[in-house]
Amino acid sequence: MTEFSTSIREQGEVSIINLKGFLDAHTASSLENDFTKLIDSNQFRIVVNFKDLAYISSAGLGVFMAYIEKIRDNNGDIKLSGMTDKVYNIFDLLGFPLLYEIFKSEDEAINKFKEKNSSEK
């Protein structure tokens, strides 16, 4: 079976999901559970850190599409960070950079939420 794990941590009002290993049809349910848990807890500001993700399949990409509308309907967003070139190329090929903000570092993605907060005040 393919190795995959996730972990969630909080940094202020932002939830960070760390991905590790291979995200495919067999492991996508783990990430789905994380998104469901965050939504059920009214956590809608999410950064997904890809730095330890080696591979993503179309089923893995589908998880992001399944949850983005509900999260944005609640004034939140999913921001993506730390992708390797290999993983970024898959996202880019499918046009995801038009739908999601992608950052080099986790800190940049978190700061984007902070910028939005200060412009709303």
N, C-alpha and C. Protein backbone atom coordinates (compact mmCIF):
# COMPACT_ATOMS: atom_id res chain seq x y z
N MET A 1 0.84 -1.19 0.00
CA MET A 1 0.00 0.00 0.00
C MET A 1 0.88 1.25 0.00
N THR A 2 0.38 2.29 -0.63
CA THR A 2 1.16 3.52 -0.75
C THR A 2 1.21 4.26 0.57
N GLU A 3 2.36 4.83 0.84
CA GLU A 3 2.56 5.60 2.07
C GLU A 3 1.98 6.99 1.91
N PHE A 4 1.14 7.38 2.86
CA PHE A 4 0.60 8.74 2.86
C PHE A 4 0.19 9.07 4.27
N SER A 5 0.45 10.31 4.68
CA SER A 5 -0.03 10.76 5.98
C SER A 5 -0.28 12.26 5.93
N THR A 6 -1.15 12.68 6.84
CA THR A 6 -1.43 14.10 6.98
C THR A 6 -1.33 14.46 8.45
N SER A 7 -1.10 15.71 8.71
CA SER A 7 -1.18 16.22 10.08
C SER A 7 -1.73 17.63 10.00
N ILE A 8 -2.47 18.01 11.02
CA ILE A 8 -3.07 19.34 11.06
C ILE A 8 -2.51 20.07 12.27
N ARG A 9 -2.17 21.33 12.06
CA ARG A 9 -1.77 22.18 13.18
C ARG A 9 -2.35 23.56 12.95
N GLU A 10 -2.45 24.30 14.01
CA GLU A 10 -3.03 25.64 13.95
C GLU A 10 -1.93 26.68 14.10
N GLN A 11 -2.05 27.75 13.37
CA GLN A 11 -1.19 28.91 13.57
C GLN A 11 -2.11 30.13 13.55
N GLY A 12 -2.46 30.58 14.73
CA GLY A 12 -3.43 31.66 14.83
C GLY A 12 -4.78 31.17 14.33
N GLU A 13 -5.36 31.93 13.40
CA GLU A 13 -6.67 31.57 12.83
C GLU A 13 -6.55 30.69 11.58
N VAL A 14 -5.34 30.25 11.28
CA VAL A 14 -5.11 29.46 10.07
C VAL A 14 -4.81 28.01 10.45
N SER A 15 -5.47 27.09 9.75
CA SER A 15 -5.19 25.66 9.93
C SER A 15 -4.24 25.23 8.82
N ILE A 16 -3.23 24.45 9.19
CA ILE A 16 -2.24 23.99 8.22
C ILE A 16 -2.33 22.48 8.14
N ILE A 17 -2.53 21.98 6.92
CA ILE A 17 -2.52 20.54 6.68
C ILE A 17 -1.19 20.21 6.00
N ASN A 18 -0.40 19.37 6.64
CA ASN A 18 0.86 18.90 6.05
C ASN A 18 0.60 17.58 5.36
N LEU A 19 1.04 17.47 4.11
CA LEU A 19 0.89 16.24 3.34
C LEU A 19 2.24 15.56 3.21
N LYS A 20 2.23 14.23 3.28
CA LYS A 20 3.48 13.48 3.15
C LYS A 20 3.24 12.20 2.38
N GLY A 21 4.05 11.97 1.35
CA GLY A 21 3.98 10.70 0.62
C GLY A 21 3.28 10.81 -0.71
N PHE A 22 2.35 9.86 -0.95
CA PHE A 22 1.68 9.72 -2.24
C PHE A 22 0.18 9.89 -2.06
N LEU A 23 -0.37 10.94 -2.66
CA LEU A 23 -1.81 11.21 -2.58
C LEU A 23 -2.47 10.70 -3.86
N ASP A 24 -3.23 9.60 -3.71
CA ASP A 24 -3.89 9.00 -4.87
C ASP A 24 -5.27 8.50 -4.46
N ALA A 25 -5.91 7.71 -5.31
CA ALA A 25 -7.27 7.23 -5.04
C ALA A 25 -7.35 6.43 -3.74
N HIS A 26 -6.28 5.73 -3.39
CA HIS A 26 -6.29 4.90 -2.18
C HIS A 26 -6.09 5.71 -0.90
N THR A 27 -5.48 6.88 -1.03
CA THR A 27 -5.16 7.66 0.17
C THR A 27 -5.96 8.96 0.27
N ALA A 28 -6.72 9.30 -0.75
CA ALA A 28 -7.45 10.57 -0.79
C ALA A 28 -8.43 10.72 0.38
N SER A 29 -8.99 9.61 0.85
CA SER A 29 -9.98 9.69 1.94
C SER A 29 -9.38 10.29 3.21
N SER A 30 -8.10 10.11 3.42
CA SER A 30 -7.43 10.69 4.59
C SER A 30 -7.48 12.22 4.54
N LEU A 31 -7.20 12.78 3.36
CA LEU A 31 -7.26 14.24 3.19
C LEU A 31 -8.71 14.72 3.25
N GLU A 32 -9.63 13.96 2.68
CA GLU A 32 -11.05 14.31 2.77
C GLU A 32 -11.48 14.41 4.23
N ASN A 33 -11.04 13.47 5.05
CA ASN A 33 -11.37 13.49 6.48
C ASN A 33 -10.85 14.76 7.15
N ASP A 34 -9.64 15.18 6.77
CA ASP A 34 -9.07 16.41 7.35
C ASP A 34 -9.92 17.63 6.98
N PHE A 35 -10.28 17.74 5.71
CA PHE A 35 -11.11 18.89 5.29
C PHE A 35 -12.46 18.86 6.00
N THR A 36 -13.07 17.70 6.10
CA THR A 36 -14.37 17.58 6.78
C THR A 36 -14.26 17.99 8.24
N LYS A 37 -13.20 17.54 8.89
CA LYS A 37 -12.98 17.88 10.31
C LYS A 37 -12.83 19.39 10.48
N LEU A 38 -12.07 20.03 9.61
CA LEU A 38 -11.87 21.48 9.70
C LEU A 38 -13.18 22.23 9.44
N ILE A 39 -13.92 21.83 8.42
CA ILE A 39 -15.19 22.48 8.11
C ILE A 39 -16.18 22.31 9.28
N ASP A 40 -16.25 21.10 9.82
CA ASP A 40 -17.14 20.85 10.96
C ASP A 40 -16.77 21.68 12.18
N SER A 41 -15.51 22.10 12.26
CA SER A 41 -15.03 22.93 13.38
C SER A 41 -15.04 24.42 13.02
N ASN A 42 -15.68 24.75 11.88
CA ASN A 42 -15.74 26.14 11.40
C ASN A 42 -14.36 26.74 11.17
N GLN A 43 -13.45 25.93 10.70
CA GLN A 43 -12.10 26.39 10.31
C GLN A 43 -12.09 26.47 8.79
N PHE A 44 -12.10 27.70 8.27
CA PHE A 44 -12.20 27.87 6.82
C PHE A 44 -10.97 28.55 6.21
N ARG A 45 -9.98 28.85 7.01
CA ARG A 45 -8.73 29.42 6.49
C ARG A 45 -7.69 28.32 6.57
N ILE A 46 -7.39 27.75 5.40
CA ILE A 46 -6.59 26.53 5.35
C ILE A 46 -5.40 26.72 4.42
N VAL A 47 -4.24 26.34 4.91
CA VAL A 47 -3.03 26.26 4.09
C VAL A 47 -2.66 24.79 3.99
N VAL A 48 -2.43 24.32 2.78
CA VAL A 48 -1.98 22.94 2.59
C VAL A 48 -0.51 23.00 2.20
N ASN A 49 0.33 22.36 3.02
CA ASN A 49 1.77 22.35 2.79
C ASN A 49 2.15 21.06 2.07
N PHE A 50 2.69 21.20 0.87
CA PHE A 50 3.03 20.07 0.00
C PHE A 50 4.50 19.68 0.07
N LYS A 51 5.27 20.28 0.95
CA LYS A 51 6.73 20.10 0.84
C LYS A 51 7.18 18.65 0.93
N ASP A 52 6.42 17.80 1.63
CA ASP A 52 6.80 16.39 1.75
C ASP A 52 5.94 15.46 0.89
N LEU A 53 5.19 16.05 -0.04
CA LEU A 53 4.36 15.24 -0.93
C LEU A 53 5.17 14.86 -2.16
N ALA A 54 5.27 13.57 -2.44
CA ALA A 54 6.06 13.10 -3.57
C ALA A 54 5.25 12.97 -4.85
N TYR A 55 3.92 12.73 -4.70
CA TYR A 55 3.10 12.45 -5.88
C TYR A 55 1.65 12.79 -5.58
N ILE A 56 0.93 13.29 -6.60
CA ILE A 56 -0.51 13.50 -6.49
C ILE A 56 -1.17 13.03 -7.78
N SER A 57 -2.26 12.28 -7.64
CA SER A 57 -3.00 11.79 -8.80
C SER A 57 -4.23 12.68 -9.01
N SER A 58 -4.98 12.37 -10.07
CA SER A 58 -6.20 13.14 -10.33
C SER A 58 -7.20 12.98 -9.19
N ALA A 59 -7.24 11.83 -8.55
CA ALA A 59 -8.13 11.63 -7.40
C ALA A 59 -7.72 12.56 -6.25
N GLY A 60 -6.44 12.74 -6.06
CA GLY A 60 -5.95 13.67 -5.04
C GLY A 60 -6.33 15.10 -5.37
N LEU A 61 -6.22 15.47 -6.63
CA LEU A 61 -6.62 16.82 -7.06
C LEU A 61 -8.11 17.03 -6.85
N GLY A 62 -8.88 15.98 -7.07
CA GLY A 62 -10.32 16.06 -6.92
C GLY A 62 -10.75 16.41 -5.51
N VAL A 63 -9.96 16.04 -4.51
CA VAL A 63 -10.29 16.37 -3.12
C VAL A 63 -10.36 17.89 -2.96
N PHE A 64 -9.43 18.60 -3.55
CA PHE A 64 -9.41 20.06 -3.43
C PHE A 64 -10.65 20.67 -4.07
N MET A 65 -11.05 20.14 -5.22
CA MET A 65 -12.23 20.66 -5.91
C MET A 65 -13.50 20.36 -5.12
N ALA A 66 -13.51 19.25 -4.41
CA ALA A 66 -14.71 18.84 -3.67
C ALA A 66 -15.02 19.77 -2.50
N TYR A 67 -14.01 20.44 -1.95
CA TYR A 67 -14.21 21.23 -0.74
C TYR A 67 -14.09 22.74 -0.91
N ILE A 68 -13.52 23.19 -2.01
CA ILE A 68 -13.22 24.62 -2.15
C ILE A 68 -14.48 25.48 -2.13
N GLU A 69 -15.55 25.04 -2.76
CA GLU A 69 -16.75 25.87 -2.82
C GLU A 69 -17.34 26.09 -1.43
N LYS A 70 -17.45 25.02 -0.65
CA LYS A 70 -18.00 25.13 0.71
C LYS A 70 -17.13 26.06 1.56
N ILE A 71 -15.82 25.94 1.42
CA ILE A 71 -14.90 26.77 2.20
C ILE A 71 -15.02 28.24 1.79
N ARG A 72 -15.08 28.51 0.50
CA ARG A 72 -15.19 29.90 0.04
C ARG A 72 -16.57 30.47 0.35
N ASP A 73 -17.60 29.64 0.36
CA ASP A 73 -18.94 30.10 0.74
C ASP A 73 -18.97 30.58 2.19
N ASN A 74 -18.01 30.14 2.99
CA ASN A 74 -17.90 30.53 4.39
C ASN A 74 -16.78 31.55 4.61
N ASN A 75 -16.50 32.34 3.56
CA ASN A 75 -15.47 33.39 3.61
C ASN A 75 -14.08 32.87 3.94
N GLY A 76 -13.79 31.66 3.53
CA GLY A 76 -12.47 31.09 3.74
C GLY A 76 -11.79 30.82 2.41
N ASP A 77 -10.68 30.10 2.47
CA ASP A 77 -9.95 29.74 1.27
C ASP A 77 -8.99 28.61 1.59
N ILE A 78 -8.55 27.94 0.54
CA ILE A 78 -7.46 26.97 0.63
C ILE A 78 -6.30 27.56 -0.14
N LYS A 79 -5.20 27.75 0.54
CA LYS A 79 -3.98 28.25 -0.11
C LYS A 79 -2.96 27.11 -0.10
N LEU A 80 -2.20 27.00 -1.16
CA LEU A 80 -1.28 25.89 -1.34
C LEU A 80 0.15 26.39 -1.22
N SER A 81 1.01 25.58 -0.59
CA SER A 81 2.40 26.03 -0.41
C SER A 81 3.38 24.87 -0.50
N GLY A 82 4.62 25.24 -0.80
CA GLY A 82 5.75 24.32 -0.71
C GLY A 82 5.77 23.19 -1.71
N MET A 83 5.18 23.38 -2.87
CA MET A 83 5.14 22.29 -3.86
C MET A 83 6.50 22.07 -4.51
N THR A 84 6.82 20.81 -4.73
CA THR A 84 7.99 20.50 -5.55
C THR A 84 7.62 20.84 -7.00
N ASP A 85 8.62 20.96 -7.85
CA ASP A 85 8.36 21.25 -9.26
C ASP A 85 7.48 20.18 -9.89
N LYS A 86 7.73 18.92 -9.52
CA LYS A 86 6.96 17.80 -10.08
C LYS A 86 5.48 17.92 -9.74
N VAL A 87 5.17 18.20 -8.49
CA VAL A 87 3.77 18.33 -8.07
C VAL A 87 3.16 19.61 -8.66
N TYR A 88 3.92 20.70 -8.66
CA TYR A 88 3.40 21.95 -9.24
C TYR A 88 3.03 21.76 -10.71
N ASN A 89 3.86 21.05 -11.45
CA ASN A 89 3.60 20.85 -12.87
C ASN A 89 2.26 20.16 -13.10
N ILE A 90 1.89 19.23 -12.23
CA ILE A 90 0.59 18.55 -12.36
C ILE A 90 -0.53 19.55 -12.12
N PHE A 91 -0.41 20.37 -11.08
CA PHE A 91 -1.41 21.40 -10.80
C PHE A 91 -1.50 22.39 -11.96
N ASP A 92 -0.36 22.79 -12.47
CA ASP A 92 -0.31 23.77 -13.55
C ASP A 92 -0.95 23.23 -14.82
N LEU A 93 -0.66 22.00 -15.15
CA LEU A 93 -1.20 21.36 -16.34
C LEU A 93 -2.72 21.39 -16.35
N LEU A 94 -3.32 21.27 -15.16
CA LEU A 94 -4.79 21.22 -15.05
C LEU A 94 -5.41 22.58 -14.75
N GLY A 95 -4.59 23.63 -14.77
CA GLY A 95 -5.12 24.98 -14.60
C GLY A 95 -5.41 25.40 -13.16
N PHE A 96 -4.91 24.65 -12.20
CA PHE A 96 -5.17 24.98 -10.80
C PHE A 96 -4.63 26.34 -10.36
N PRO A 97 -3.52 26.84 -10.93
CA PRO A 97 -3.07 28.17 -10.51
C PRO A 97 -4.08 29.28 -10.79
N LEU A 98 -5.05 29.03 -11.66
CA LEU A 98 -6.11 30.02 -11.89
C LEU A 98 -7.16 29.97 -10.79
N LEU A 99 -7.26 28.85 -10.10
CA LEU A 99 -8.29 28.64 -9.08
C LEU A 99 -7.77 28.81 -7.66
N TYR A 100 -6.51 28.54 -7.45
CA TYR A 100 -5.90 28.55 -6.11
C TYR A 100 -4.66 29.42 -6.11
N GLU A 101 -4.43 30.07 -4.97
CA GLU A 101 -3.16 30.79 -4.81
C GLU A 101 -2.11 29.79 -4.34
N ILE A 102 -0.99 29.79 -5.02
CA ILE A 102 0.10 28.86 -4.71
C ILE A 102 1.32 29.68 -4.30
N PHE A 103 1.88 29.34 -3.14
CA PHE A 103 3.00 30.08 -2.58
C PHE A 103 4.21 29.17 -2.43
N LYS A 104 5.38 29.78 -2.51
CA LYS A 104 6.62 29.02 -2.30
C LYS A 104 6.70 28.49 -0.87
N SER A 105 6.34 29.34 0.10
CA SER A 105 6.49 28.93 1.50
C SER A 105 5.17 28.99 2.24
N GLU A 106 5.10 28.22 3.28
CA GLU A 106 3.93 28.20 4.16
C GLU A 106 3.70 29.58 4.78
N ASP A 107 4.77 30.24 5.19
CA ASP A 107 4.65 31.56 5.82
C ASP A 107 4.01 32.58 4.87
N GLU A 108 4.38 32.53 3.58
CA GLU A 108 3.77 33.45 2.62
C GLU A 108 2.26 33.22 2.52
N ALA A 109 1.85 31.96 2.53
CA ALA A 109 0.43 31.63 2.44
C ALA A 109 -0.32 32.11 3.68
N ILE A 110 0.27 31.89 4.84
CA ILE A 110 -0.35 32.34 6.10
C ILE A 110 -0.46 33.86 6.11
N ASN A 111 0.60 34.54 5.68
CA ASN A 111 0.59 36.00 5.66
C ASN A 111 -0.47 36.55 4.72
N LYS A 112 -0.80 35.83 3.66
CA LYS A 112 -1.84 36.27 2.73
C LYS A 112 -3.19 36.34 3.46
N PHE A 113 -3.46 35.38 4.35
CA PHE A 113 -4.68 35.44 5.17
C PHE A 113 -4.63 36.64 6.10
N LYS A 114 -3.47 36.92 6.67
CA LYS A 114 -3.33 38.07 7.58
C LYS A 114 -3.57 39.38 6.84
N GLU A 115 -3.05 39.47 5.60
CA GLU A 115 -3.27 40.67 4.78
C GLU A 115 -4.76 40.89 4.55
N LYS A 116 -5.47 39.82 4.25
CA LYS A 116 -6.90 39.91 3.99
C LYS A 116 -7.63 40.40 5.26
N ASN A 117 -7.20 39.91 6.42
CA ASN A 117 -7.79 40.34 7.69
C ASN A 117 -7.64 41.83 7.91
N SER A 118 -6.43 42.36 7.67
CA SER A 118 -6.20 43.78 7.94
C SER A 118 -6.91 44.66 6.91
N SER A 119 -7.11 44.17 5.69
CA SER A 119 -7.82 44.99 4.70
C SER A 119 -9.33 44.99 4.96
N GLU A 120 -9.84 44.03 5.72
CA GLU A 120 -11.27 43.97 6.03
C GLU A 120 -11.65 44.88 7.20
N LYS A 121 -10.67 45.30 7.99
CA LYS A 121 -10.96 46.09 9.19
C LYS A 121 -11.18 47.55 8.87
